[in-house]
Every structure is written in C-alpha cells, then in structure tokens.
C-alpha cells in the first residue's frame, strides 16, 4: 500500500514513570508508532504515540480502563496533519482479541471521544450560531422568492441545523441526556429564529405559489422520505469518518432549511393551507434525518465505554428508534392517504399546487 494514507492521531499520555512500561504491553495488539518519552517532573512522564485514527478508540479505552482511576493520569488526543519520514500503512494482520474492548481495532471511524467533541462543538448555542441561522434564512428566503436555485444552494452551504441534529442523534445513541438537552435547545432556537424571520419576510415580500421552488416544498411524498433518510445517514457518516461536514451539510440542508423557510414565508403571507403542507414536510424530514443518523451511529458501533453506560445507551437508543419509526409510519400513512394537506380553510391567494418533489 502507498505510504501514509492513514488519518493519523497523536496520543499524549501523562503517566507515572513506573507505569510507562505497561503502556507498551497494553497496546501490544494495536498498530502504533512509539515516538518518545519525556520527563515532566520527578514522578510523571509523558509518552507520545502515533497511530491511525481508526485504532484510537481501542487504544484510549484500554488506557482509560487501566489508568483512568488515577489522579496523575491524563490522555490527550491530537490530529496530525503530516509527519516525516512517511509511515507505511500497518499490515492487515489480525489483531489479538481483547474481551473488554468495546470496539474492534480497524473500525473505519474516529474515536468516540473525538466524535463527541466534534458534535458538541457543532451543537453549541452561541451568538455566532444564531447569526449563521439568520444569514442562511435570509439567503434561502431570497432564493425561494426569486426562484433562484443557486442562491438556495448558497444558503445550504452554511447548514446551521446540521450539527444540532447530529448531536441529538448521537445523544440518543450514547444515552447522553445532557447532550440531548443541549441539542434540543440549539435546535429549538435555530428553528424559532429561522421560522420567525422567514414569516416576517413573507409578510413583507409575500410568497408566490407559482414559483416552482416554493410550490415543490408545500407537500411531501415518498421521494422526500428517501432523500431525508439518505441525508441523515450522510450527515452522521461525515462526523464519524472525518468527511468535511460543510460538503455533506449541503445535502442535509436540502431536507431541513428550505422547507422550514417556505413554511415561514407562506404563513407570513397568509397562505395557511400550503403552509400546513410545508410543515408536514418539515416533520417528515426531521424524523428521517434523526432516524437515519441514529441507525448509522449504531451500525458504526458508537457505544459508551463503560458497561453501565452502555446499558443506559441501549435503552435510550431503542426508545429513540421506536419513537422515530412510529412518527415516520404515521407521516408515511398520511402521505399515502393523500392527507398531507389537511382540510384547512384556504387563505387568500391559495391556488392549486403542482405535484412536485424536492
């Protein structure tokens, strides 16, 4: 294989000097490149190890299991952009199994801790996040009003709703109630901001139902279910494998942001019936994105390290999966029965809608 095709990580392990020899023995089944041992004080040393990102979780779980209870233990995981001389890929030899290991060596994803840190960072409710929601909503609304698909894609590149939804799915997978609450707050703030601003823009500029870009997002069909499921799987894979989230964010934003902005524009313009159809599409997309993301995390074997956390996570993920599946079945039944647009008195200016998909 060609040299240095791996995504490399640097492990810095602060450990008492008498325990340093145990590090090499504990990681004997993990392909690593020991770099150096540095004396930090009279009792503690710093061990640096280079390894493939796919092996990080096995290594960190092993070290945390043996040294995690010590007050003088600290493990830091750092990304590596490059190293010289080049490092050849490790041979594809079977790794000796370790019963306590939570994930097999060679799993094609980043470590649990790295994944959680990335998702938590993307789900923070900050002024910058709200500004990004405002900007993406304005850009999407202008694109929808003008019927300009290029402008709509520009709004999707910002993708402010990607991180919080992936965080909610990861919280369900890990049984992390704190992360779930944080994600829901961020999602709620983002949705409320986007909806309120788009409703205001709809009241000012109106919404033309003859615009294909608006009309296509006022009713759901089975193609939307497939699209949203694919978007959710792509979003979770982006986080677990290190694919640039901005690229995949465009795909996820197709399912999340434009229908939400259309709903706000239509309600702001007083078009209640088509706005109800857009709301149904928003519910369908959010349901599918979260269901697919949880399923992808489970397939990727994203699990807590400790057994009692794993049991809690198993219960939480089962509850989340069943809840999202029930929601999806209800929404799919409404789509198949032609009840996506309930019998709501038509607002002024309502016109028959073309059967268009996203």
Protein backbone atom coordinates (compact mmCIF):
# COMPACT_ATOMS: atom_id res chain seq x y z
CA UNK A 1 0.00 0.00 0.00
CA UNK A 2 1.12 3.57 -0.52
CA UNK A 3 2.84 5.22 2.44
CA UNK A 4 0.96 7.40 4.91
CA UNK A 5 -2.60 7.07 3.60
CA UNK A 6 -3.95 6.87 7.13
CA UNK A 7 -5.65 9.65 9.09
CA UNK A 8 -3.10 10.00 11.87
CA UNK A 9 -3.61 10.92 15.51
CA UNK A 10 -1.09 11.69 18.24
CA UNK A 11 -1.73 10.32 21.72
CA UNK A 12 -0.01 12.13 24.58
CA UNK A 13 -0.19 10.10 27.77
CA UNK A 14 0.80 11.57 31.10
CA UNK A 15 1.56 8.60 33.31
CA UNK A 16 3.73 7.85 36.38
CA UNK A 17 7.18 6.72 35.36
CA UNK A 18 6.91 3.19 36.88
CA UNK A 19 3.77 2.58 34.77
CA UNK A 20 5.24 3.59 31.41
CA UNK A 21 6.40 0.10 30.54
CA UNK A 22 2.81 -1.13 30.94
CA UNK A 23 1.63 1.22 28.18
CA UNK A 24 3.54 -0.68 25.50
CA UNK A 25 2.29 -4.02 26.83
CA UNK A 26 -1.34 -2.88 26.98
CA UNK A 27 -1.21 -1.60 23.40
CA UNK A 28 0.59 -4.63 22.01
CA UNK A 29 -2.43 -5.52 19.86
CA UNK A 30 -2.82 -2.03 18.37
CA UNK A 31 -0.59 -0.88 15.48
CA UNK A 32 1.16 2.18 16.94
CA UNK A 33 4.40 4.10 16.40
CA UNK A 34 6.02 4.96 19.76
CA UNK A 35 7.70 8.34 19.43
CA UNK A 36 9.25 9.41 22.69
CA UNK A 37 9.09 9.51 26.46
CA UNK A 38 9.58 12.90 28.09
CA UNK A 39 10.28 13.52 31.77
CA UNK A 40 7.83 16.13 33.08
CA UNK A 41 8.70 16.02 36.79
CA UNK A 42 10.25 13.67 39.30
CA UNK A 43 7.34 11.21 39.25
CA UNK A 44 5.48 11.64 35.96
CA UNK A 45 6.47 11.10 32.34
CA UNK A 46 4.83 11.96 29.01
CA UNK A 47 4.54 9.20 26.41
CA UNK A 48 3.78 10.15 22.81
CA UNK A 49 2.32 7.58 20.41
CA UNK A 50 1.36 7.93 16.74
CA UNK A 51 -1.46 5.76 15.39
CA UNK A 52 -4.24 5.51 12.82
CA UNK A 53 -7.48 7.28 13.80
CA UNK A 54 -9.37 4.01 13.32
CA UNK A 55 -7.39 2.49 16.19
CA UNK A 56 -7.73 5.40 18.61
CA UNK A 57 -10.84 4.19 20.40
CA UNK A 58 -9.37 0.77 21.14
CA UNK A 59 -6.21 2.40 22.48
CA UNK A 60 -7.93 5.07 24.58
CA UNK A 61 -10.45 2.58 26.00
CA UNK A 62 -7.65 0.26 27.05
CA UNK A 63 -5.60 3.01 28.68
CA UNK A 64 -8.61 4.59 30.40
CA UNK A 65 -9.70 1.22 31.73
CA UNK A 66 -6.31 0.57 33.36
CA UNK A 67 -5.26 4.08 34.40
CA UNK A 68 -8.46 6.13 34.39
CA UNK A 69 -8.89 6.00 38.14
CA UNK A 70 -5.53 7.62 38.83
CA UNK A 71 -5.36 11.34 39.58
CA UNK A 72 -1.95 11.55 37.86
CA UNK A 73 -3.20 10.11 34.53
CA UNK A 74 -4.07 12.35 31.57
CA UNK A 75 -4.63 11.40 27.92
CA UNK A 76 -4.73 13.99 25.12
CA UNK A 77 -5.70 13.16 21.52
CA UNK A 78 -4.40 15.44 18.75
CA UNK A 79 -4.92 15.39 14.96
CA UNK A 80 -1.76 15.08 12.84
CA UNK A 81 -1.55 16.93 9.54
CA UNK A 82 1.71 15.34 8.36
CA UNK A 83 4.82 13.56 9.55
CA UNK A 84 8.26 12.86 8.14
CA UNK A 85 9.55 10.35 7.30
CA UNK A 86 6.43 8.86 5.76
CA UNK A 87 4.74 5.99 7.58
CA UNK A 88 3.58 2.94 5.68
CA UNK A 89 0.14 1.53 6.40
CA UNK A 90 0.24 -1.19 9.05
CA UNK A 91 -0.03 -4.75 7.75
CA UNK A 92 -3.54 -6.16 7.65
CA UNK A 93 -2.82 -8.87 10.18
CA UNK A 94 -5.49 -9.97 12.64
CA UNK A 95 -5.23 -8.20 15.97
CA UNK A 96 -5.40 -10.37 19.09
CA UNK A 97 -8.90 -10.01 20.55
CA UNK A 98 -9.36 -8.30 23.89
CA UNK A 99 -12.62 -9.26 25.63
CA UNK A 100 -13.05 -5.91 27.37
CA UNK A 101 -12.51 -3.85 24.25
CA UNK A 102 -15.73 -2.05 23.22
CA UNK A 103 -14.90 -1.86 19.53
CA UNK A 104 -12.69 -3.92 17.30
CA UNK A 105 -9.44 -2.48 16.07
CA UNK A 106 -9.76 -1.37 12.47
CA UNK A 107 -13.23 0.17 12.71
CA UNK A 108 -13.47 2.77 9.95
CA UNK A 109 -14.34 5.76 12.10
CA UNK A 110 -12.81 8.19 14.52
CA UNK A 111 -12.85 7.52 18.26
CA UNK A 112 -15.91 8.03 20.41
CA UNK A 113 -14.35 10.87 22.37
CA UNK A 114 -13.25 12.69 19.22
CA UNK A 115 -16.68 12.23 17.67
CA UNK A 116 -18.47 13.55 20.74
CA UNK A 117 -16.20 16.58 20.96
CA UNK A 118 -16.85 17.43 17.30
CA UNK A 119 -20.60 17.06 17.70
CA UNK A 120 -20.74 19.02 20.97
CA UNK A 121 -18.84 21.86 19.34
CA UNK A 122 -21.25 21.88 16.39
CA UNK A 123 -24.30 21.92 18.70
CA UNK A 124 -23.35 24.90 20.87
CA UNK A 125 -25.96 27.62 21.16
CA UNK A 126 -23.88 30.74 20.64
CA UNK A 127 -24.44 34.20 19.13
CA UNK A 128 -22.41 33.08 16.12
CA UNK A 129 -24.75 30.11 15.59
CA UNK A 130 -27.82 32.36 15.68
CA UNK A 131 -26.20 34.81 13.27
CA UNK A 132 -25.49 31.93 10.89
CA UNK A 133 -29.13 30.85 11.15
CA UNK A 134 -30.26 34.40 10.35
CA UNK A 135 -27.91 34.69 7.38
CA UNK A 136 -28.83 31.30 5.95
CA UNK A 137 -32.54 32.06 6.38
CA UNK A 138 -32.23 35.39 4.57
CA UNK A 139 -30.26 33.83 1.73
CA UNK A 140 -32.70 30.91 1.43
CA UNK A 141 -35.74 33.22 1.53
CA UNK A 142 -34.33 35.45 -1.21
CA UNK A 143 -33.53 32.41 -3.33
CA UNK A 144 -37.02 30.97 -2.84
CA UNK A 145 -38.77 34.25 -3.58
CA UNK A 146 -36.69 34.74 -6.72
CA UNK A 147 -36.84 31.08 -7.67
CA UNK A 148 -33.04 31.02 -7.94
CA UNK A 149 -31.70 27.56 -7.10
CA UNK A 150 -28.09 28.81 -6.95
CA UNK A 151 -28.95 31.20 -4.12
CA UNK A 152 -30.80 28.43 -2.27
CA UNK A 153 -27.73 26.20 -2.52
CA UNK A 154 -25.68 29.06 -1.08
CA UNK A 155 -27.90 29.05 1.99
CA UNK A 156 -27.47 25.30 2.31
CA UNK A 157 -23.67 25.58 2.40
CA UNK A 158 -24.00 27.40 5.74
CA UNK A 159 -26.01 24.41 7.08
CA UNK A 160 -26.58 25.67 10.65
CA UNK A 161 -29.04 22.89 11.52
CA UNK A 162 -26.68 20.03 10.67
CA UNK A 163 -24.67 19.99 13.90
CA UNK A 164 -27.54 20.13 16.42
CA UNK A 165 -29.47 17.34 14.68
CA UNK A 166 -26.41 15.11 14.55
CA UNK A 167 -25.81 15.88 18.22
CA UNK A 168 -29.38 14.86 19.07
CA UNK A 169 -28.92 11.56 17.24
CA UNK A 170 -25.59 10.92 18.97
CA UNK A 171 -27.15 11.75 22.35
CA UNK A 172 -29.80 9.10 21.73
CA UNK A 173 -27.14 6.60 20.67
CA UNK A 174 -24.99 7.19 23.77
CA UNK A 175 -27.85 7.78 26.22
CA UNK A 176 -26.40 11.23 26.97
CA UNK A 177 -29.26 13.26 28.45
CA UNK A 178 -27.12 16.37 28.90
CA UNK A 179 -26.15 16.40 25.23
CA UNK A 180 -29.78 15.75 24.24
CA UNK A 181 -31.00 18.76 26.24
CA UNK A 182 -28.28 20.95 24.78
CA UNK A 183 -29.10 19.79 21.26
CA UNK A 184 -32.83 20.37 21.68
CA UNK A 185 -32.20 23.89 22.97
CA UNK A 186 -29.99 24.67 20.00
CA UNK A 187 -32.41 23.12 17.51
CA UNK A 188 -35.33 24.97 19.09
CA UNK A 189 -33.51 28.30 18.99
CA UNK A 190 -32.45 27.76 15.39
CA UNK A 191 -35.89 26.66 14.20
CA UNK A 192 -37.63 29.51 16.03
CA UNK A 193 -35.19 32.06 14.60
CA UNK A 194 -35.49 30.74 11.04
CA UNK A 195 -39.27 30.46 11.23
CA UNK A 196 -39.82 33.87 12.79
CA UNK A 197 -37.53 35.64 10.34
CA UNK A 198 -38.96 33.88 7.29
CA UNK A 199 -42.52 34.65 8.46
CA UNK A 200 -41.57 38.32 8.74
CA UNK A 201 -40.07 38.23 5.25
CA UNK A 202 -43.20 36.52 3.94
CA UNK A 203 -45.39 39.25 5.44
CA UNK A 204 -43.23 41.92 3.79
CA UNK A 205 -42.48 40.39 0.39
CA UNK A 206 -45.22 37.76 0.08
CA UNK A 207 -44.84 34.25 -1.36
CA UNK A 208 -45.64 33.29 -4.94
CA UNK A 209 -47.13 29.82 -5.11
CA UNK A 210 -46.47 29.75 -8.83
CA UNK A 211 -42.76 29.68 -8.04
CA UNK A 212 -41.53 26.13 -8.60
CA UNK A 213 -39.05 26.36 -5.72
CA UNK A 214 -41.81 27.27 -3.25
CA UNK A 215 -44.54 25.02 -4.63
CA UNK A 216 -42.21 22.00 -4.60
CA UNK A 217 -41.87 22.31 -0.83
CA UNK A 218 -45.54 22.51 0.11
CA UNK A 219 -46.26 18.79 0.09
CA UNK A 220 -44.41 15.61 0.93
CA UNK A 221 -44.10 12.36 -0.98
CA UNK A 222 -42.17 9.11 -0.61
CA UNK A 223 -39.22 10.57 -2.51
CA UNK A 224 -38.81 13.07 0.33
CA UNK A 225 -38.63 10.22 2.84
CA UNK A 226 -35.84 8.57 0.85
CA UNK A 227 -33.99 11.88 0.45
CA UNK A 228 -34.14 12.71 4.16
CA UNK A 229 -33.02 9.20 5.17
CA UNK A 230 -30.04 9.47 2.84
CA UNK A 231 -29.25 12.96 4.18
CA UNK A 232 -29.29 11.76 7.78
CA UNK A 233 -27.01 8.83 7.01
CA UNK A 234 -24.62 11.10 5.11
CA UNK A 235 -24.52 13.61 7.95
CA UNK A 236 -23.64 11.01 10.57
CA UNK A 237 -21.03 9.42 8.31
CA UNK A 238 -19.46 12.83 7.83
CA UNK A 239 -18.88 13.13 11.56
CA UNK A 240 -17.81 9.53 12.20
CA UNK A 241 -15.35 9.27 9.32
CA UNK A 242 -13.98 12.81 9.21
CA UNK A 243 -15.54 13.80 5.86
CA UNK A 244 -15.77 17.63 5.66
CA UNK A 245 -19.11 18.46 7.27
CA UNK A 246 -19.62 21.52 5.06
CA UNK A 247 -19.79 19.31 1.97
CA UNK A 248 -22.32 16.89 3.47
CA UNK A 249 -24.11 19.82 5.13
CA UNK A 250 -25.44 20.86 1.74
CA UNK A 251 -27.21 17.50 1.42
CA UNK A 252 -28.67 17.65 4.92
CA UNK A 253 -29.74 21.26 4.46
CA UNK A 254 -31.77 20.23 1.43
CA UNK A 255 -34.05 18.36 3.81
CA UNK A 256 -34.09 20.82 6.73
CA UNK A 257 -33.72 24.50 5.94
CA UNK A 258 -35.64 25.21 2.70
CA UNK A 259 -38.94 23.58 3.79
CA UNK A 260 -38.76 25.45 7.11
CA UNK A 261 -38.22 28.77 5.35
CA UNK A 262 -41.06 28.01 2.90
CA UNK A 263 -43.38 27.32 5.84
CA UNK A 264 -42.50 30.67 7.39
CA UNK A 265 -42.87 32.57 4.11
CA UNK A 266 -46.30 31.05 3.45
CA UNK A 267 -47.60 31.69 6.95
CA UNK A 268 -46.29 35.24 6.83
CA UNK A 269 -48.11 35.75 3.53
CA UNK A 270 -51.35 34.32 4.99
CA UNK A 271 -51.34 31.14 2.89
CA UNK A 272 -52.36 28.69 5.60
CA UNK A 273 -53.17 25.56 3.61
CA UNK A 274 -49.88 25.26 1.69
CA UNK A 275 -48.01 26.27 4.86
CA UNK A 276 -49.55 23.23 6.55
CA UNK A 277 -48.17 21.04 3.77
CA UNK A 278 -44.72 22.58 4.23
CA UNK A 279 -44.96 21.91 7.97
CA UNK A 280 -45.72 18.25 7.23
CA UNK A 281 -42.64 18.12 5.02
CA UNK A 282 -40.50 19.63 7.81
CA UNK A 283 -41.73 16.97 10.26
CA UNK A 284 -41.04 14.20 7.75
CA UNK A 285 -37.53 15.43 7.06
CA UNK A 286 -36.57 15.93 10.71
CA UNK A 287 -37.88 12.46 11.56
CA UNK A 288 -36.00 10.75 8.74
CA UNK A 289 -32.74 12.63 9.33
CA UNK A 290 -32.64 11.69 13.02
CA UNK A 291 -33.72 8.08 12.44
CA UNK A 292 -31.09 7.53 9.75
CA UNK A 293 -28.39 9.23 11.84
CA UNK A 294 -29.09 7.04 14.88
CA UNK A 295 -29.11 3.91 12.72
CA UNK A 296 -25.80 4.90 11.15
CA UNK A 297 -24.18 5.55 14.54
CA UNK A 298 -25.38 2.14 15.73
CA UNK A 299 -24.05 0.41 12.62
CA UNK A 300 -20.75 2.21 13.20
CA UNK A 301 -20.76 0.72 16.73
CA UNK A 302 -20.66 4.04 18.50
CA UNK A 303 -21.14 2.99 22.13
CA UNK A 304 -20.16 4.22 25.59
CA UNK A 305 -17.01 2.77 27.12
CA UNK A 306 -18.41 1.66 30.50
CA UNK A 307 -20.85 -1.25 30.72
CA UNK A 308 -23.42 0.58 32.85
CA UNK A 309 -23.38 3.50 30.41
CA UNK A 310 -23.83 1.01 27.58
CA UNK A 311 -26.99 -0.39 29.16
CA UNK A 312 -28.44 3.10 29.56
CA UNK A 313 -27.47 3.95 25.99
CA UNK A 314 -29.11 0.78 24.70
CA UNK A 315 -32.39 1.70 26.36
CA UNK A 316 -32.21 5.29 25.11
CA UNK A 317 -31.39 4.30 21.53
CA UNK A 318 -34.20 1.71 21.44
CA UNK A 319 -36.68 4.29 22.71
CA UNK A 320 -35.48 6.87 20.18
CA UNK A 321 -35.55 4.45 17.25
CA UNK A 322 -39.04 3.18 18.09
CA UNK A 323 -40.34 6.73 18.57
CA UNK A 324 -38.91 7.98 15.27
CA UNK A 325 -40.17 4.87 13.42
CA UNK A 326 -43.69 5.37 14.78
CA UNK A 327 -43.58 9.02 13.76
CA UNK A 328 -42.35 8.05 10.29
CA UNK A 329 -45.09 5.43 9.89
CA UNK A 330 -47.76 7.99 10.79
CA UNK A 331 -46.34 10.56 8.38
CA UNK A 332 -45.96 7.95 5.62
CA UNK A 333 -49.57 6.88 6.10
CA UNK A 334 -50.70 10.49 5.76
CA UNK A 335 -48.64 10.83 2.58
CA UNK A 336 -50.07 7.64 1.07
CA UNK A 337 -53.62 8.56 2.03
CA UNK A 338 -53.29 11.95 0.47
CA UNK A 339 -53.77 13.74 3.80
CA UNK A 340 -50.60 15.80 3.62
CA UNK A 341 -52.77 18.88 3.14
CA UNK A 342 -55.49 18.80 5.82
CA UNK A 343 -58.85 20.45 5.29
CA UNK A 344 -57.90 23.94 6.37
CA UNK A 345 -59.82 26.95 5.00
CA UNK A 346 -57.83 28.24 2.07
CA UNK A 347 -56.06 31.51 2.66
CA UNK A 348 -56.32 34.42 0.25
CA UNK A 349 -54.42 33.76 -2.91
CA UNK A 350 -54.27 29.96 -2.50
CA UNK A 351 -54.02 28.19 -5.82
CA UNK A 352 -53.86 24.50 -6.77
CA UNK A 353 -50.35 23.17 -6.24
CA UNK A 354 -48.37 21.13 -8.74
CA UNK A 355 -47.27 17.67 -7.66
CA UNK A 356 -43.58 18.43 -7.47
CA UNK A 357 -40.89 16.89 -5.37
CA UNK A 358 -37.83 18.45 -3.87
